[in-house]
C-alpha atoms as a PDB file:
ATOM      1  CA  MET A   1     -20.574  19.224 -12.899  1.00  0.00           C
ATOM      2  CA  ASP A   2     -18.618  16.775 -10.732  1.00  0.00           C
ATOM      3  CA  THR A   3     -16.463  18.307  -8.046  1.00  0.00           C
ATOM      4  CA  VAL A   4     -13.486  16.530  -6.516  1.00  0.00           C
ATOM      5  CA  VAL A   5     -11.841  17.553  -3.252  1.00  0.00           C
ATOM      6  CA  LEU A   6      -8.085  17.017  -3.028  1.00  0.00           C
ATOM      7  CA  VAL A   7      -6.658  16.584   0.484  1.00  0.00           C
ATOM      8  CA  THR A   8      -2.879  16.944   0.775  1.00  0.00           C
ATOM      9  CA  ARG A   9      -2.506  17.580   4.522  1.00  0.00           C
ATOM     10  CA  ASP A  10      -3.222  15.744   7.773  1.00  0.00           C
ATOM     11  CA  GLY A  11      -5.919  18.244   8.731  1.00  0.00           C
ATOM     12  CA  LEU A  12      -7.478  21.350   7.259  1.00  0.00           C
ATOM     13  CA  GLY A  13      -5.297  24.312   6.374  1.00  0.00           C
ATOM     14  CA  HIS A  14      -1.665  25.264   6.827  1.00  0.00           C
ATOM     15  CA  ILE A  15      -0.971  24.836  10.527  1.00  0.00           C
ATOM     16  CA  GLY A  16       2.018  24.090  12.704  1.00  0.00           C
ATOM     17  CA  PRO A  17       2.537  20.762  14.482  1.00  0.00           C
ATOM     18  CA  GLN A  18       1.415  22.337  17.759  1.00  0.00           C
ATOM     19  CA  ASP A  19      -2.011  23.023  16.210  1.00  0.00           C
ATOM     20  CA  GLN A  20      -2.625  19.589  14.655  1.00  0.00           C
ATOM     21  CA  THR A  21      -5.666  18.950  16.870  1.00  0.00           C
ATOM     22  CA  PHE A  22      -7.211  22.190  15.607  1.00  0.00           C
ATOM     23  CA  GLY A  23      -6.516  21.156  11.992  1.00  0.00           C
ATOM     24  CA  HIS A  24      -8.281  17.832  12.627  1.00  0.00           C
ATOM     25  CA  GLU A  25     -11.255  19.615  14.223  1.00  0.00           C
ATOM     26  CA  MET A  26     -11.531  21.940  11.231  1.00  0.00           C
ATOM     27  CA  PHE A  27     -11.405  19.002   8.798  1.00  0.00           C
ATOM     28  CA  ASP A  28     -14.221  17.376  10.783  1.00  0.00           C
ATOM     29  CA  ARG A  29     -16.250  20.602  10.515  1.00  0.00           C
ATOM     30  CA  PHE A  30     -15.589  20.623   6.779  1.00  0.00           C
ATOM     31  CA  LEU A  31     -16.928  17.065   6.462  1.00  0.00           C
ATOM     32  CA  HIS A  32     -20.027  17.847   8.527  1.00  0.00           C
ATOM     33  CA  SER A  33     -20.678  20.934   6.413  1.00  0.00           C
ATOM     34  CA  LEU A  34     -20.529  18.728   3.306  1.00  0.00           C
ATOM     35  CA  GLU A  35     -22.912  16.274   4.950  1.00  0.00           C
ATOM     36  CA  SER A  36     -25.696  18.848   5.114  1.00  0.00           C
ATOM     37  CA  ARG A  37     -25.341  20.007   1.496  1.00  0.00           C
ATOM     38  CA  PRO A  38     -27.351  18.524  -1.358  1.00  0.00           C
ATOM     39  CA  ASP A  39     -24.395  18.976  -3.760  1.00  0.00           C
ATOM     40  CA  LYS A  40     -21.682  16.637  -2.507  1.00  0.00           C
ATOM     41  CA  PRO A  41     -18.371  16.069  -4.274  1.00  0.00           C
ATOM     42  CA  ALA A  42     -18.054  13.004  -6.477  1.00  0.00           C
ATOM     43  CA  ALA A  43     -14.814  12.084  -4.726  1.00  0.00           C
ATOM     44  CA  ILE A  44     -12.299  13.081  -2.091  1.00  0.00           C
ATOM     45  CA  CYS A  45      -8.733  12.163  -3.038  1.00  0.00           C
ATOM     46  CA  PHE A  46      -5.968  11.902  -0.446  1.00  0.00           C
ATOM     47  CA  TYR A  47      -2.237  12.031  -1.112  1.00  0.00           C
ATOM     48  CA  THR A  48       0.995  12.913   0.701  1.00  0.00           C
ATOM     49  CA  ASP A  49       0.167  13.697   4.380  1.00  0.00           C
ATOM     50  CA  GLY A  50      -3.542  13.665   3.544  1.00  0.00           C
ATOM     51  CA  VAL A  51      -3.641   9.855   3.466  1.00  0.00           C
ATOM     52  CA  LYS A  52      -3.223   9.853   7.254  1.00  0.00           C
ATOM     53  CA  LEU A  53      -6.803  11.116   7.614  1.00  0.00           C
ATOM     54  CA  ALA A  54      -8.185   7.865   6.141  1.00  0.00           C
ATOM     55  CA  CYS A  55      -6.148   5.586   8.417  1.00  0.00           C
ATOM     56  CA  ALA A  56      -6.923   3.905  11.730  1.00  0.00           C
ATOM     57  CA  GLY A  57      -6.560   6.283  14.646  1.00  0.00           C
ATOM     58  CA  SER A  58      -7.538   9.352  12.654  1.00  0.00           C
ATOM     59  CA  PRO A  59     -10.248  11.456  14.281  1.00  0.00           C
ATOM     60  CA  ALA A  60     -11.688  11.987  10.776  1.00  0.00           C
ATOM     61  CA  ILE A  61     -12.788   8.352  10.329  1.00  0.00           C
ATOM     62  CA  PRO A  62     -16.411   8.752  11.557  1.00  0.00           C
ATOM     63  CA  GLY A  63     -17.000  11.791   9.336  1.00  0.00           C
ATOM     64  CA  LEU A  64     -15.367  10.111   6.345  1.00  0.00           C
ATOM     65  CA  GLN A  65     -17.459   6.972   6.853  1.00  0.00           C
ATOM     66  CA  LEU A  66     -20.587   9.118   6.903  1.00  0.00           C
ATOM     67  CA  ILE A  67     -19.618  10.967   3.707  1.00  0.00           C
ATOM     68  CA  GLU A  68     -18.682   7.698   1.996  1.00  0.00           C
ATOM     69  CA  GLY A  69     -22.073   6.279   2.986  1.00  0.00           C
ATOM     70  CA  MET A  70     -23.656   9.237   1.179  1.00  0.00           C
ATOM     71  CA  GLY A  71     -22.008   8.177  -2.072  1.00  0.00           C
ATOM     72  CA  VAL A  72     -18.766  10.168  -2.028  1.00  0.00           C
ATOM     73  CA  ARG A  73     -15.846   8.089  -3.296  1.00  0.00           C
ATOM     74  CA  LEU A  74     -12.735   8.221  -1.078  1.00  0.00           C
ATOM     75  CA  LEU A  75      -9.391   7.474  -2.761  1.00  0.00           C
ATOM     76  CA  SER A  76      -6.038   7.219  -0.953  1.00  0.00           C
ATOM     77  CA  CYS A  77      -2.774   7.096  -2.865  1.00  0.00           C
ATOM     78  CA  LYS A  78      -1.075   3.695  -2.478  1.00  0.00           C
ATOM     79  CA  THR A  79       2.416   5.107  -3.013  1.00  0.00           C
ATOM     80  CA  CYS A  80       1.856   7.638  -0.225  1.00  0.00           C
ATOM     81  CA  LEU A  81       0.417   4.975   2.085  1.00  0.00           C
ATOM     82  CA  ASP A  82       3.435   2.759   1.354  1.00  0.00           C
ATOM     83  CA  TYR A  83       5.819   5.653   2.060  1.00  0.00           C
ATOM     84  CA  PHE A  84       4.278   6.276   5.489  1.00  0.00           C
ATOM     85  CA  LYS A  85       3.926   2.492   6.096  1.00  0.00           C
ATOM     86  CA  LEU A  86       0.153   2.909   6.474  1.00  0.00           C
ATOM     87  CA  THR A  87      -1.165   0.603   3.737  1.00  0.00           C
ATOM     88  CA  GLU A  88      -2.449  -1.918   6.274  1.00  0.00           C
ATOM     89  CA  ASN A  89      -4.057   0.849   8.368  1.00  0.00           C
ATOM     90  CA  VAL A  90      -6.558   2.251   5.856  1.00  0.00           C
ATOM     91  CA  ALA A  91      -9.871   2.421   7.704  1.00  0.00           C
ATOM     92  CA  VAL A  92     -12.129   4.018   5.115  1.00  0.00           C
ATOM     93  CA  GLY A  93     -12.304   4.388   1.345  1.00  0.00           C
ATOM     94  CA  GLU A  94     -10.256   2.763  -1.400  1.00  0.00           C
ATOM     95  CA  ILE A  95      -6.533   2.341  -1.893  1.00  0.00           C
ATOM     96  CA  SER A  96      -5.859   3.786  -5.325  1.00  0.00           C
ATOM     97  CA  THR A  97      -3.025   4.400  -7.741  1.00  0.00           C
ATOM     98  CA  MET A  98      -1.845   7.875  -8.600  1.00  0.00           C
ATOM     99  CA  SER A  99      -2.960   7.122 -12.176  1.00  0.00           C
ATOM    100  CA  GLU A 100      -6.544   6.603 -10.976  1.00  0.00           C
ATOM    101  CA  ILE A 101      -6.405   9.756  -8.842  1.00  0.00           C
ATOM    102  CA  VAL A 102      -5.116  11.755 -11.830  1.00  0.00           C
ATOM    103  CA  LYS A 103      -7.928  10.331 -13.974  1.00  0.00           C
ATOM    104  CA  VAL A 104     -10.540  11.361 -11.383  1.00  0.00           C
ATOM    105  CA  LEU A 105      -9.023  14.858 -11.131  1.00  0.00           C
ATOM    106  CA  LEU A 106      -8.859  15.348 -14.904  1.00  0.00           C
ATOM    107  CA  GLU A 107     -12.450  14.187 -15.388  1.00  0.00           C
ATOM    108  CA  ALA A 108     -13.748  16.526 -12.659  1.00  0.00           C
ATOM    109  CA  GLY A 109     -15.539  19.708 -13.592  1.00  0.00           C
ATOM    110  CA  LYS A 110     -13.916  21.383 -10.592  1.00  0.00           C
ATOM    111  CA  VAL A 111     -11.116  20.452  -8.162  1.00  0.00           C
ATOM    112  CA  ILE A 112     -10.930  22.001  -4.701  1.00  0.00           C
ATOM    113  CA  THR A 113      -7.641  21.560  -2.829  1.00  0.00           C
ATOM    114  CA  ILE A 114      -7.809  21.784   0.943  1.00  0.00           C
END
């Protein structure tokens, strides 16, 4: 069963702006926990604020590069990147359409939103 992780925030969990560093640290811990598991997700999809994690300057880049190197597909929504003017800043993964992200989500056996 393929699992897909859906990332909608710039960090892990619902946190205030004053705790953004903590949200980034927790997302990094999440990625490193995935790294050690034999059952990795088929894909991690990023939209809305989540696309910021895949862009230059994000502290999540090293962990995302590692996970991508282990075969996990990383998809960032082009419309969201365009909205935040980050399309040229994507540092890891693929720029994707919302149609492709929806296809990946619908074909997944399980979707986990973080």
